[in-house]
Protein backbone atom coordinates (compact mmCIF):
# COMPACT_ATOMS: atom_id res chain seq x y z
CA UNK A 1 54.06 151.13 202.54
CA UNK A 2 55.68 150.03 205.80
CA UNK A 3 57.53 146.92 206.50
CA UNK A 4 57.96 144.63 209.51
CA UNK A 5 61.34 143.89 210.90
CA UNK A 6 60.88 140.21 209.59
CA UNK A 7 60.16 141.34 206.09
CA UNK A 8 63.22 143.78 206.06
CA UNK A 9 65.56 141.30 207.43
CA UNK A 10 64.24 138.65 205.00
CA UNK A 11 64.78 141.07 202.09
CA UNK A 12 68.33 141.81 203.37
CA UNK A 13 69.01 138.11 203.73
CA UNK A 14 67.93 137.38 200.14
CA UNK A 15 70.02 140.23 198.88
CA UNK A 16 72.99 139.10 200.87
CA UNK A 17 73.30 142.47 202.66
CA UNK A 18 72.18 141.27 206.16
CA UNK A 19 74.42 141.86 209.21
CA UNK A 20 75.05 139.28 211.84
CA UNK A 21 72.79 141.10 214.29
CA UNK A 22 69.91 141.18 211.73
CA UNK A 23 70.56 137.53 210.89
CA UNK A 24 70.18 136.66 214.48
CA UNK A 25 66.96 138.51 214.62
CA UNK A 26 65.71 136.82 211.51
CA UNK A 27 66.63 133.36 212.88
CA UNK A 28 64.69 134.20 216.13
CA UNK A 29 61.66 135.39 214.17
CA UNK A 30 61.67 132.19 212.27
CA UNK A 31 61.14 130.31 215.50
CA UNK A 32 57.59 131.42 214.88
CA UNK A 33 55.93 128.65 212.89
CA UNK A 34 53.93 130.99 210.73
CA UNK A 35 57.03 133.01 209.84
CA UNK A 36 59.05 129.79 209.10
CA UNK A 37 56.43 128.27 207.00
CA UNK A 38 55.87 131.45 204.90
CA UNK A 39 59.59 131.85 204.32
CA UNK A 40 60.16 128.19 203.46
CA UNK A 41 57.14 128.05 201.27
CA UNK A 42 58.13 130.99 199.09
CA UNK A 43 61.81 130.11 198.84
CA UNK A 44 60.89 126.66 197.57
CA UNK A 45 58.31 128.13 195.03
CA UNK A 46 60.84 130.66 193.75
CA UNK A 47 63.56 127.99 193.66
CA UNK A 48 61.44 126.07 191.25
CA UNK A 49 60.72 129.25 189.38
CA UNK A 50 64.35 130.08 188.95
CA UNK A 51 65.00 126.67 187.36
CA UNK A 52 62.22 127.15 184.89
CA UNK A 53 63.54 130.59 184.18
CA UNK A 54 67.03 129.10 183.45
CA UNK A 55 65.53 126.61 180.94
CA UNK A 56 63.54 129.10 178.96
CA UNK A 57 63.52 132.77 178.11
CA UNK A 58 64.48 134.50 181.36
CA UNK A 59 63.30 137.96 180.35
CA UNK A 60 59.91 136.66 179.24
CA UNK A 61 59.57 134.41 182.35
CA UNK A 62 60.43 137.30 184.57
CA UNK A 63 57.93 139.52 182.91
CA UNK A 64 55.19 137.01 183.28
CA UNK A 65 56.06 136.42 186.92
CA UNK A 66 55.83 140.17 187.60
CA UNK A 67 52.62 140.35 185.68
CA UNK A 68 51.18 137.45 187.83
CA UNK A 69 52.32 139.09 190.97
CA UNK A 70 50.68 142.47 190.05
CA UNK A 71 47.33 140.95 188.91
CA UNK A 72 46.72 138.64 191.79
CA UNK A 73 46.37 140.73 194.97
CA UNK A 74 43.95 138.35 196.70
CA UNK A 75 46.57 135.81 197.87
CA UNK A 76 48.44 136.73 200.98
CA UNK A 77 51.52 134.95 199.84
CA UNK A 78 51.68 136.79 196.54
CA UNK A 79 51.26 140.07 198.39
CA UNK A 80 54.17 139.10 200.67
CA UNK A 81 56.44 138.54 197.57
CA UNK A 82 55.39 141.81 196.11
CA UNK A 83 56.37 143.73 199.20
CA UNK A 84 59.70 142.07 199.12
CA UNK A 85 60.18 142.86 195.47
CA UNK A 86 59.36 146.50 196.18
CA UNK A 87 62.01 146.54 198.93
CA UNK A 88 65.64 146.71 197.64
CA UNK A 89 64.51 145.72 194.07
CA UNK A 90 65.46 142.14 194.78
CA UNK A 91 64.11 140.96 191.43
CA UNK A 92 66.66 143.23 189.70
CA UNK A 93 69.46 140.98 191.09
CA UNK A 94 68.15 138.28 188.67
CA UNK A 95 68.55 135.61 191.26
CA UNK A 96 65.71 133.41 192.68
CA UNK A 97 64.70 133.76 196.32
CA UNK A 98 65.00 130.03 196.88
CA UNK A 99 68.49 130.08 195.38
CA UNK A 100 69.69 132.40 198.23
CA UNK A 101 67.93 130.35 200.86
CA UNK A 102 69.72 127.18 199.99
CA UNK A 103 73.04 128.72 199.10
CA UNK A 104 73.22 130.45 202.43
CA UNK A 105 74.00 127.05 203.73
CA UNK A 106 76.58 126.38 200.95
CA UNK A 107 74.30 123.94 198.99
CA UNK A 108 75.80 122.78 195.73
CA UNK A 109 72.90 123.59 193.29
CA UNK A 110 73.59 126.32 190.56
CA UNK A 111 76.26 128.77 189.61
CA UNK A 112 76.06 132.41 190.72
CA UNK A 113 77.95 135.46 189.63
CA UNK A 114 80.60 136.12 192.33
CA UNK A 115 79.96 139.12 194.42
CA UNK A 116 82.41 141.77 195.53
CA UNK A 117 84.07 139.72 198.23
CA UNK A 118 87.19 141.86 198.91
CA UNK A 119 88.37 141.41 202.35
CA UNK A 120 86.07 138.43 203.05
CA UNK A 121 87.01 134.73 203.60
CA UNK A 122 85.48 132.85 200.66
CA UNK A 123 84.70 129.24 199.73
CA UNK A 124 84.56 128.41 196.03
CA UNK A 125 82.66 125.27 195.26
CA UNK A 126 83.20 122.75 192.46
CA UNK A 127 80.53 124.31 190.40
CA UNK A 128 82.28 127.66 190.50
CA UNK A 129 79.90 129.35 192.95
CA UNK A 130 81.44 131.54 195.62
CA UNK A 131 80.31 131.78 199.17
CA UNK A 132 81.32 134.44 201.69
CA UNK A 133 82.18 133.06 205.03
CA UNK A 134 81.31 135.09 208.22
CA UNK A 135 83.51 134.46 211.16
CA UNK A 136 80.57 135.56 213.39
CA UNK A 137 78.23 132.78 212.24
CA UNK A 138 78.01 129.15 211.20
CA UNK A 139 77.01 127.28 208.14
CA UNK A 140 76.82 123.80 206.61
CA UNK A 141 78.72 122.48 203.59
CA UNK A 142 76.96 120.05 201.27
CA UNK A 143 78.14 117.70 198.57
CA UNK A 144 76.54 117.35 195.20
CA UNK A 145 74.14 114.77 196.50
CA UNK A 146 72.83 117.19 199.09
CA UNK A 147 74.53 115.34 202.10
CA UNK A 148 76.07 117.60 204.72
CA UNK A 149 79.88 116.88 204.61
CA UNK A 150 81.15 119.77 206.82
CA UNK A 151 80.40 122.60 209.19
CA UNK A 152 81.81 126.09 209.39
CA UNK A 153 81.90 127.56 212.95
CA UNK A 154 83.58 130.94 213.59
CA UNK A 155 87.06 130.90 212.07
CA UNK A 156 87.30 127.24 211.18
CA UNK A 157 85.78 124.90 208.68
CA UNK A 158 85.57 121.14 209.67
CA UNK A 159 84.76 118.43 207.29
CA UNK A 160 83.16 115.15 208.32
CA UNK A 161 85.81 112.58 208.95
CA UNK A 162 85.84 109.23 207.32
CA UNK A 163 83.82 110.01 204.25
CA UNK A 164 85.24 108.64 200.96
CA UNK A 165 84.55 109.65 197.41
CA UNK A 166 84.09 107.81 194.16
CA UNK A 167 85.03 110.84 192.31
CA UNK A 168 87.22 113.78 193.66
CA UNK A 169 85.31 116.98 194.04
CA UNK A 170 87.38 120.15 194.90
CA UNK A 171 86.63 123.19 196.92
CA UNK A 172 88.90 126.22 197.35
CA UNK A 173 89.17 128.20 200.52
CA UNK A 174 90.64 131.73 200.18
CA UNK A 175 91.80 133.84 203.13
CA UNK A 176 92.31 137.63 202.27
CA UNK A 177 94.94 139.98 203.78
CA UNK A 178 94.44 140.79 207.48
CA UNK A 179 92.71 137.46 208.39
CA UNK A 180 93.58 133.79 209.35
CA UNK A 181 91.42 130.80 209.08
CA UNK A 182 91.58 127.00 210.15
CA UNK A 183 90.52 124.04 208.06
CA UNK A 184 90.15 120.38 209.01
CA UNK A 185 90.03 118.02 206.00
CA UNK A 186 87.96 114.78 205.76
CA UNK A 187 90.98 112.68 206.70
CA UNK A 188 91.59 114.66 209.89
CA UNK A 189 94.48 116.75 208.51
CA UNK A 190 94.46 120.21 210.20
CA UNK A 191 95.54 123.34 208.22
CA UNK A 192 96.08 126.85 209.57
CA UNK A 193 96.00 129.33 206.73
CA UNK A 194 97.83 132.73 207.07
CA UNK A 195 96.72 136.03 205.51
CA UNK A 196 96.60 136.20 201.72
CA UNK A 197 96.46 132.35 201.23
CA UNK A 198 94.27 129.98 199.28
CA UNK A 199 94.02 126.16 199.36
CA UNK A 200 92.26 123.76 196.91
CA UNK A 201 91.38 120.39 198.30
CA UNK A 202 88.98 117.45 197.80
CA UNK A 203 85.77 117.54 199.96
CA UNK A 204 86.39 113.81 200.37
CA UNK A 205 89.40 111.74 199.65
CA UNK A 206 89.37 108.45 197.83
CA UNK A 207 90.41 105.19 199.53
CA UNK A 208 94.01 104.01 198.79
CA UNK A 209 94.74 107.03 196.65
CA UNK A 210 97.24 109.82 197.02
CA UNK A 211 95.82 112.69 199.05
CA UNK A 212 96.72 115.80 197.07
CA UNK A 213 95.94 119.45 197.74
CA UNK A 214 97.20 122.80 196.33
CA UNK A 215 98.35 125.74 198.41
CA UNK A 216 99.04 129.40 197.45
CA UNK A 217 100.38 131.46 200.30
CA UNK A 218 101.25 130.13 203.77
CA UNK A 219 99.79 127.28 205.88
CA UNK A 220 100.71 125.29 208.97
CA UNK A 221 99.95 121.54 208.39
CA UNK A 222 99.26 118.78 210.92
CA UNK A 223 98.86 115.93 208.58
CA UNK A 224 96.81 112.95 209.77
CA UNK A 225 98.74 109.65 209.47
CA UNK A 226 97.49 107.45 206.78
CA UNK A 227 98.81 104.76 204.39
CA UNK A 228 98.07 106.91 201.47
CA UNK A 229 100.75 109.75 201.04
CA UNK A 230 99.79 113.31 201.39
CA UNK A 231 101.00 115.59 198.72
CA UNK A 232 100.85 119.48 198.68
CA UNK A 233 101.61 121.32 195.39
CA UNK A 234 102.93 124.91 195.83
CA UNK A 235 104.56 126.98 193.16
CA UNK A 236 105.35 123.85 191.09
CA UNK A 237 106.98 122.07 193.96
CA UNK A 238 105.49 118.96 195.46
CA UNK A 239 105.89 118.24 199.28
CA UNK A 240 105.18 114.60 200.19
CA UNK A 241 104.36 113.42 203.72
CA UNK A 242 102.69 110.61 205.55
CA UNK A 243 102.01 112.28 208.83
CA UNK A 244 103.82 115.25 210.19
CA UNK A 245 103.73 118.91 211.24
CA UNK A 246 105.28 121.70 209.22
CA UNK A 247 104.97 125.27 208.02
CA UNK A 248 104.84 125.95 204.22
CA UNK A 249 105.34 129.35 202.74
CA UNK A 250 104.66 129.73 198.95
CA UNK A 251 103.34 133.04 198.08
CA UNK A 252 103.23 133.67 194.18
CA UNK A 253 105.23 136.89 194.45
CA UNK A 254 108.16 135.21 196.35
CA UNK A 255 110.99 133.58 194.51
CA UNK A 256 111.28 130.79 197.13
CA UNK A 257 109.16 128.09 198.67
CA UNK A 258 110.10 127.56 202.21
CA UNK A 259 109.24 124.54 204.28
CA UNK A 260 110.00 124.35 208.05
CA UNK A 261 109.62 120.94 209.68
CA UNK A 262 108.50 120.69 213.25
CA UNK A 263 108.27 116.92 213.49
CA UNK A 264 108.18 113.85 211.02
CA UNK A 265 109.76 114.04 207.72
CA UNK A 266 108.82 115.40 204.25
CA UNK A 267 110.19 114.83 200.84
CA UNK A 268 110.38 116.99 197.75
CA UNK A 269 109.92 116.58 194.06
CA UNK A 270 108.98 118.89 191.17
CA UNK A 271 105.36 119.05 190.13
CA UNK A 272 105.60 116.91 186.93
CA UNK A 273 108.01 114.34 188.47
CA UNK A 274 107.43 111.31 190.60
CA UNK A 275 108.67 110.88 194.19
CA UNK A 276 111.72 108.52 194.27
CA UNK A 277 114.18 107.32 196.89
CA UNK A 278 116.60 109.86 195.72
CA UNK A 279 114.28 112.78 196.37
CA UNK A 280 115.56 115.17 199.07
CA UNK A 281 114.10 114.72 202.53
CA UNK A 282 113.92 117.33 205.28
CA UNK A 283 114.60 116.54 209.00
CA UNK A 284 112.86 118.23 212.05
CA UNK A 285 114.33 121.64 213.04
CA UNK A 286 115.39 122.41 209.51
CA UNK A 287 114.04 124.58 206.76
CA UNK A 288 114.15 123.70 203.04
CA UNK A 289 114.44 126.69 200.71
CA UNK A 290 113.60 125.90 197.05
CA UNK A 291 114.62 128.64 194.54
CA UNK A 292 111.82 128.07 192.06
CA UNK A 293 113.44 130.02 189.14
CA UNK A 294 116.64 128.18 189.25
CA UNK A 295 115.23 124.94 190.82
CA UNK A 296 117.71 124.54 193.48
CA UNK A 297 117.21 123.24 197.11
CA UNK A 298 119.05 124.43 200.34
CA UNK A 299 118.58 123.03 203.75
CA UNK A 300 119.44 124.90 206.97
CA UNK A 301 118.81 124.53 210.65
CA UNK A 302 116.37 127.09 212.13
CA UNK A 303 114.49 127.95 215.27
CA UNK A 304 110.89 126.60 214.18
CA UNK A 305 109.13 128.96 216.46
CA UNK A 306 110.28 131.97 214.30
CA UNK A 307 108.20 130.52 211.49
CA UNK A 308 105.15 129.11 213.24
CA UNK A 309 104.31 131.69 215.94
CA UNK A 310 102.11 133.58 213.49
CA UNK A 311 99.38 131.10 214.50
CA UNK A 312 99.51 132.66 218.04
CA UNK A 313 99.23 136.17 216.70
CA UNK A 314 103.00 136.97 216.84
CA UNK A 315 104.84 138.70 214.12
CA UNK A 316 108.60 137.80 214.07
CA UNK A 317 111.33 139.18 211.71
CA UNK A 318 114.73 137.58 212.08
CA UNK A 319 117.55 139.19 209.99
CA UNK A 320 114.85 139.92 207.36
CA UNK A 321 115.30 142.49 204.62
CA UNK A 322 113.13 145.51 204.87
CA UNK A 323 111.46 144.91 201.50
CA UNK A 324 110.39 141.38 202.69
CA UNK A 325 109.20 142.82 205.90
CA UNK A 326 106.95 145.22 203.98
CA UNK A 327 105.32 142.27 202.02
CA UNK A 328 104.50 140.51 205.30
CA UNK A 329 103.03 143.60 206.81
CA UNK A 330 100.83 144.12 203.85
CA UNK A 331 99.40 140.63 204.26
CA UNK A 332 99.08 140.79 208.09
CA UNK A 333 97.50 144.31 208.30
CA UNK A 334 95.73 144.31 204.83
CA UNK A 335 97.43 147.58 203.76
CA UNK A 336 99.11 148.88 200.61
CA UNK A 337 102.77 150.10 201.29
CA UNK A 338 104.68 152.34 198.93
CA UNK A 339 108.50 152.67 199.70
CA UNK A 340 110.50 155.34 197.92
CA UNK A 341 113.28 155.01 200.43
CA UNK A 342 115.10 152.36 198.39
CA UNK A 343 118.28 152.36 200.46
CA UNK A 344 116.28 150.60 203.19
CA UNK A 345 115.17 147.60 200.99
CA UNK A 346 118.10 145.47 201.89
CA UNK A 347 118.70 146.59 205.55
CA UNK A 348 117.88 143.52 207.65
CA UNK A 349 115.94 143.86 210.93
CA UNK A 350 115.19 141.77 213.98
CA UNK A 351 111.86 142.62 215.46
CA UNK A 352 108.88 140.94 217.27
CA UNK A 353 105.20 142.21 217.50
CA UNK A 354 101.91 140.83 218.68
CA UNK A 355 99.17 143.48 219.53
CA UNK A 356 100.78 146.50 217.95
CA UNK A 357 98.84 148.60 215.32
CA UNK A 358 100.50 149.25 212.02
CA UNK A 359 101.31 152.79 213.26
CA UNK A 360 103.14 151.42 216.22
CA UNK A 361 105.10 148.96 214.07
CA UNK A 362 106.44 151.78 211.96
CA UNK A 363 107.16 153.85 215.07
CA UNK A 364 109.32 151.01 216.25
CA UNK A 365 111.19 150.75 213.00
CA UNK A 366 111.68 154.63 212.98
CA UNK A 367 113.44 154.46 216.45
CA UNK A 368 116.03 152.11 215.01
CA UNK A 369 116.48 153.54 211.56
CA UNK A 370 115.35 157.08 210.58
CA UNK A 371 112.47 156.97 208.13
CA UNK A 372 109.35 159.01 207.36
CA UNK A 373 105.98 157.34 206.97
CA UNK A 374 102.37 158.65 206.45
CA UNK A 375 99.26 156.55 206.93
CA UNK A 376 96.11 157.45 204.99
CA UNK A 377 93.56 154.67 205.59
CA UNK A 378 94.91 151.49 204.19
CA UNK A 379 97.63 153.30 202.19
CA UNK A 380 101.13 153.78 203.68
CA UNK A 381 103.96 155.76 202.13
CA UNK A 382 107.53 155.62 203.26
CA UNK A 383 110.10 158.20 202.40
CA UNK A 384 113.49 159.40 203.25
CA UNK A 385 113.59 161.95 206.16
């Protein structure tokens, strides 16, 4: 049995294995009214079928569905479904066709089993379903009522400004190693997320209520001015602002939470405490270093560009111990580094990179300090020469 490009691409779309090029071809084919109507009709039919299956005996329902498809060969639409089922064993995924159609656009409907999304930017919705974000495409974000509240275009996700919520509904955006992503919240706050970071935030904020989000990793915040305070929770520390720009670093494996203030002011208080007039406040051009294990705060003056230039693709190390440099390189280049040359761990380096490959980075370090390194795919091993 042979298949048309439209059928093959439809099957790949439904099984979430379609490439960006094939997706473009499918979208173009759907400009044909016949193709569009057939696709829409069957996704809607199967969407209803899936819900019926979820309420009753799924195995029995699936068996009956397959029996019906095999027995009725006179209907063109049923034949179309059968051909799709024969290709890539779509039915074995245990997921409705309509389910994928609607969830491709991030609709909040039913839960799915998270796929293998290693190395992909993902959006986790309030119902627990996980969506993969392709930087080469665009998709809409819907709330539970089915209203579009945001749009993802390329490497940024922008929520509709001005919407308010009766009840807070949270999404979580996760950026893997080797990638960066931008987010604009519904209050206009802009967030740039660095590699290996995750942010949990309300799809829509509530009027006259604290705007609170949660960060793991590193992000640069340009907080929209508002009468309601904006609070970020990171590694059990709360950072409170009204409208300002700052960089926050709070990776779970780090012992410190570092806040570098570019403009405005921010205050600090522990996660289970309340902000008071006695809470420490940071001034522009300074960095606050919170030791989360012993709960102490230190302020020091810094060159803010050293901590914010990562948004421009620059990698800057200033008097940084080699073991901390390796952590950053793992995040930035999405590699795994093993260092058996322990004498290097506390040696501090000054370095700056932008377009260099990971091999060129280690060649540069090797010129300043003798070391031996081998690169095998994503695995790097450092040894004493």
